[in-house]
Protein backbone atom coordinates (compact mmCIF):
# COMPACT_ATOMS: atom_id res chain seq x y z
CA MET A 1 -23.15 -37.76 27.24
CA GLY A 2 -23.97 -39.31 23.88
CA LYS A 3 -25.37 -36.02 22.63
CA ASP A 4 -22.34 -34.07 23.80
CA GLU A 5 -19.98 -36.54 22.16
CA SER A 6 -21.89 -36.39 18.89
CA THR A 7 -21.82 -32.58 19.04
CA LYS A 8 -18.06 -32.58 19.58
CA LYS A 9 -17.61 -35.02 16.72
CA GLY A 10 -19.73 -32.80 14.49
CA GLN A 11 -17.68 -29.78 15.43
CA GLY A 12 -14.49 -31.68 14.75
CA THR A 13 -15.76 -32.74 11.34
CA ASN A 14 -16.71 -29.16 10.47
CA GLY A 15 -13.33 -27.94 11.65
CA GLU A 16 -11.51 -30.53 9.56
CA SER A 17 -13.59 -29.72 6.51
CA GLN A 18 -12.90 -26.02 7.03
CA MET A 19 -9.17 -26.73 7.19
CA VAL A 20 -9.39 -28.71 3.96
CA VAL A 21 -11.21 -25.84 2.27
CA ASP A 22 -8.59 -23.36 3.53
CA ARG A 23 -5.77 -25.54 2.21
CA GLU A 24 -7.49 -25.78 -1.18
CA CYS A 25 -7.95 -21.98 -1.27
CA TYR A 26 -4.30 -21.34 -0.45
CA ALA A 27 -3.18 -23.97 -2.96
CA SER A 28 -5.29 -22.46 -5.72
CA ARG A 29 -4.02 -18.98 -4.88
CA ASP A 30 -0.41 -20.17 -5.03
CA ASP A 31 -1.06 -21.84 -8.39
CA THR A 32 -2.51 -18.59 -9.70
CA VAL A 33 0.51 -16.61 -8.54
CA GLN A 34 2.89 -19.10 -10.13
CA GLN A 35 1.01 -18.82 -13.42
CA MET A 36 1.16 -15.02 -13.32
CA TRP A 37 4.84 -14.80 -12.38
CA PRO A 38 7.42 -17.40 -13.50
CA ASP A 39 9.61 -19.12 -10.93
CA GLU A 40 12.73 -17.21 -11.95
CA THR A 41 11.19 -13.94 -10.75
CA ARG A 42 10.55 -15.33 -7.28
CA THR A 43 13.10 -15.52 -4.49
CA ASN A 44 13.37 -18.44 -2.07
CA THR A 45 14.44 -17.52 1.44
CA SER A 46 14.91 -19.55 4.61
CA LEU A 47 13.89 -16.96 7.16
CA SER A 48 11.70 -17.02 10.23
CA TYR A 49 7.92 -16.73 9.81
CA LEU A 50 7.73 -13.01 10.47
CA GLN A 51 10.71 -12.26 8.26
CA THR A 52 9.36 -14.34 5.40
CA MET A 53 6.25 -12.19 5.52
CA ARG A 54 8.29 -9.04 5.01
CA PRO A 55 9.38 -9.62 1.40
CA GLN A 56 5.75 -10.30 0.50
CA ILE A 57 4.61 -6.87 1.67
CA ARG A 58 7.77 -5.03 0.73
CA SER A 59 6.94 -2.25 -1.71
CA PRO A 60 7.40 1.49 -2.07
CA LEU A 61 4.17 1.78 -0.08
CA PRO A 62 4.79 2.75 3.57
CA ARG A 63 3.86 0.30 6.31
CA ILE A 64 0.22 0.60 7.34
CA ASN A 65 -0.02 -2.37 9.69
CA GLN A 66 -0.96 -4.85 6.94
CA CYS A 67 -4.28 -3.09 6.28
CA VAL A 68 -3.58 -3.34 2.55
CA GLY A 69 -3.24 -6.84 1.15
CA LEU A 70 -0.66 -8.06 -1.33
CA TYR A 71 -1.33 -6.80 -4.90
CA ASN A 72 -3.74 -4.12 -3.56
CA GLU A 73 -1.25 -1.35 -2.82
CA ARG A 74 -1.86 0.36 -6.18
CA HIS A 75 -5.62 0.31 -5.66
CA PHE A 76 -5.21 1.69 -2.15
CA VAL A 77 -3.25 4.74 -3.30
CA LEU A 78 -5.70 5.36 -6.14
CA PHE A 79 -8.57 5.07 -3.66
CA LEU A 80 -6.98 7.78 -1.54
CA SER A 81 -6.57 9.94 -4.64
CA TYR A 82 -10.21 9.51 -5.68
CA LEU A 83 -11.39 10.31 -2.14
CA VAL A 84 -9.31 13.48 -1.92
CA LEU A 85 -10.45 14.64 -5.34
CA SER A 86 -14.14 14.00 -4.67
CA THR A 87 -14.17 15.67 -1.25
CA PHE A 88 -12.20 18.62 -2.64
CA CYS A 89 -14.75 19.13 -5.41
CA TYR A 90 -17.59 18.85 -2.89
CA ALA A 91 -15.99 21.45 -0.62
CA VAL A 92 -15.28 23.89 -3.45
CA LEU A 93 -18.56 23.55 -5.35
CA GLY A 94 -20.72 23.46 -2.21
CA TYR A 95 -19.23 26.51 -0.50
CA LYS A 96 -22.08 28.81 -1.54
CA GLN A 97 -24.69 26.39 -0.18
CA LEU A 98 -22.77 26.24 3.09
CA ILE A 99 -23.02 30.01 3.47
CA ASP A 100 -26.77 29.79 2.85
CA ALA A 101 -27.14 26.90 5.33
CA LEU A 102 -25.37 28.91 8.02
CA GLY A 103 -27.84 31.75 7.50
CA ILE A 104 -25.15 34.32 6.74
CA THR A 105 -26.85 35.50 3.54
CA PHE A 106 -30.34 35.36 5.08
CA THR A 107 -31.42 33.28 2.09
CA GLU A 108 -34.24 30.82 2.53
CA TRP A 109 -33.02 27.20 2.47
CA GLU A 110 -34.85 25.62 -0.48
CA TYR A 111 -33.21 22.19 -0.60
CA ARG A 112 -34.68 18.91 0.61
CA VAL A 113 -31.63 18.08 2.69
CA PRO A 114 -31.92 19.80 6.10
CA ALA A 115 -29.51 22.69 6.54
CA LEU A 116 -27.93 21.13 9.62
CA ALA A 117 -27.34 17.85 7.82
CA TYR A 118 -25.70 19.67 4.92
CA ILE A 119 -23.41 21.58 7.27
CA ILE A 120 -22.30 18.34 8.95
CA ILE A 121 -21.69 16.61 5.60
CA TYR A 122 -19.75 19.59 4.30
CA LEU A 123 -17.52 19.76 7.37
CA LEU A 124 -16.92 16.01 7.18
CA ALA A 125 -15.92 16.29 3.51
CA ALA A 126 -13.57 19.19 4.22
CA VAL A 127 -11.89 17.38 7.13
CA LEU A 128 -11.52 14.18 5.09
CA CYS A 129 -10.03 16.11 2.19
CA LEU A 130 -7.41 17.66 4.47
CA ALA A 131 -6.57 14.56 6.52
CA VAL A 132 -6.54 12.03 3.67
CA GLY A 133 -4.74 14.55 1.47
CA ILE A 134 -1.89 14.71 3.97
CA MET A 135 -1.83 10.91 4.20
CA LEU A 136 -1.82 10.59 0.40
CA SER A 137 1.00 13.14 0.05
CA TYR A 138 3.10 11.19 2.52
CA HIS A 139 2.52 7.93 0.67
CA VAL A 140 3.29 9.43 -2.73
CA TRP A 141 6.48 11.01 -1.38
CA SER A 142 7.63 7.67 0.05
CA ILE A 143 6.80 5.88 -3.19
CA SER A 144 8.77 8.42 -5.21
CA CYS A 145 11.75 7.82 -2.90
CA GLY A 146 11.51 4.06 -3.44
CA GLU A 147 11.25 3.22 0.24
CA THR A 148 8.78 2.20 2.94
CA THR A 149 8.25 3.96 6.25
CA VAL A 150 10.49 1.46 8.03
CA GLU A 151 13.13 1.69 5.33
CA GLY A 152 12.97 5.48 5.45
CA GLN A 153 13.93 5.39 9.12
CA ASP A 154 16.66 2.84 8.41
CA HIS A 155 18.06 4.90 5.56
CA GLU A 156 18.54 7.90 7.82
CA VAL A 157 20.79 5.75 10.00
CA TYR A 158 22.58 4.30 6.97
CA THR A 159 23.18 7.79 5.56
CA LYS A 160 24.82 8.94 8.80
CA LYS A 161 27.01 5.82 8.98
CA ALA A 162 28.11 6.17 5.36
CA LYS A 163 28.79 9.89 5.82
CA SER A 164 30.96 9.21 8.88
CA ARG A 165 33.19 7.07 6.63
CA GLY A 166 33.26 9.62 3.85
CA GLU A 167 30.93 7.54 1.69
CA THR A 168 27.51 8.14 0.17
CA PHE A 169 24.54 5.91 0.91
CA VAL A 170 22.59 4.86 -2.18
CA ASN A 171 19.20 3.16 -1.98
CA SER A 172 19.40 0.35 -4.52
CA TYR A 173 15.62 0.39 -4.95
CA ASN A 174 15.47 4.09 -5.85
CA LEU A 175 15.26 4.32 -9.65
CA GLY A 176 14.33 8.00 -9.70
CA ARG A 177 11.13 9.68 -8.56
CA ILE A 178 9.26 9.43 -11.86
CA ARG A 179 10.34 5.87 -12.54
CA ASN A 180 9.46 4.78 -9.00
CA LEU A 181 5.93 6.13 -9.44
CA GLN A 182 5.59 4.55 -12.87
CA LEU A 183 6.61 1.13 -11.59
CA PHE A 184 4.37 1.37 -8.54
CA LEU A 185 1.34 2.36 -10.63
CA ASN A 186 2.37 -0.01 -13.44
CA ILE A 187 2.18 2.65 -16.14
CA GLY A 188 4.60 4.05 -18.68
CA GLU A 189 7.22 1.95 -20.42
CA ALA A 190 6.28 -1.75 -20.35
CA GLY A 191 3.19 -0.82 -18.33
CA TYR A 192 -0.37 0.31 -18.89
CA PRO A 193 -1.52 3.59 -20.48
CA LEU A 194 -1.84 6.71 -18.35
CA TYR A 195 -5.64 6.78 -18.62
CA THR A 196 -5.87 3.65 -16.47
CA LEU A 197 -5.25 5.92 -13.46
CA PHE A 198 -8.58 7.65 -14.03
CA ILE A 199 -10.66 4.53 -14.66
CA PRO A 200 -10.93 1.95 -11.85
CA PHE A 201 -9.57 -0.99 -13.83
CA ARG A 202 -8.40 -4.07 -11.96
CA ILE A 203 -4.70 -3.94 -12.82
CA MET A 204 -2.07 -6.08 -11.13
CA PRO A 205 1.23 -4.57 -9.96
CA TYR A 206 4.40 -5.13 -11.94
CA THR A 207 5.89 -7.38 -9.25
CA ASP A 208 4.91 -10.55 -7.45
CA GLY A 209 5.55 -8.86 -4.09
CA ARG A 210 8.83 -10.71 -3.54
CA SER A 211 11.15 -9.42 -6.27
CA TRP A 212 11.65 -5.68 -6.77
CA ALA A 213 13.53 -3.68 -9.36
CA ARG A 214 16.94 -2.35 -8.35
CA ARG A 215 19.34 0.13 -9.85
CA GLU A 216 21.39 -1.31 -12.66
CA GLY A 217 24.56 -2.86 -11.27
CA TYR A 218 23.29 -2.93 -7.66
CA ASN A 219 22.43 -6.10 -5.78
CA ARG A 220 22.41 -4.32 -2.39
CA HIS A 221 22.52 -0.80 -0.96
CA HIS A 222 25.71 1.17 -1.47
CA GLY A 223 27.48 2.74 1.49
CA ILE A 224 26.27 0.23 4.06
CA ARG A 225 28.24 -2.86 5.00
CA ARG A 226 27.04 -6.30 5.93
CA GLY A 227 26.20 -6.51 9.58
CA GLU A 228 25.13 -2.87 9.74
CA GLU A 229 21.64 -3.49 8.34
CA LEU A 230 18.75 -2.98 10.72
CA THR A 231 15.40 -4.45 9.63
CA ASP A 232 16.82 -5.60 6.27
CA GLU A 233 19.78 -7.58 7.59
CA GLU A 234 18.64 -11.13 6.84
CA ASP A 235 16.61 -10.00 3.84
CA GLU A 236 19.72 -8.52 2.23
CA ASP A 237 21.82 -11.58 3.04
CA ALA A 238 19.20 -13.80 1.39
């Protein structure tokens, strides 16, 4: 009994120490964020737990089940771009070797990599190029529209409601396709040079993840009335 009690006490102590460490980590992270972005650029909301998480991940990047952390959305899209480019080059430049590996040209295979292994790698690269390329295209399109996947579905409903009243729905976060991409990638005017897209620099996004640029003169979407919002209802009211 004494041993079990001491073990439980030890586990409790470790658990408490772990909680203290976690609190210190979160506190230091919050301090860093506050140093990077002044208080006036942050918005304070009194929403439920799940809804307070939404402004933190709200960006032109479509929802991907929180697989991409806050401040990493730019790096994620660039990672997809690098992957598509590299697999595309592999597929194009290695096409002749694929023909040889398949034995179509009756050429002796003179490489150290086994022919079967090369065929498998080539097919994998081609499939990744196609699949990730489609995924990347979808993300870039959504970014250029200034909306997420969820917001894209909402905006279809908003457009129909506004049209039924003879009005036009305007997404207040849509600053134009080029400007949306520039802000998301943090390049162009008041951003970083264009060459930073081709070199994997660690560059922070232009926003703190809570405040996002809107069209000039807009503090909410046009053509949609309060109470008609779907997933953005409380967010817009805040």
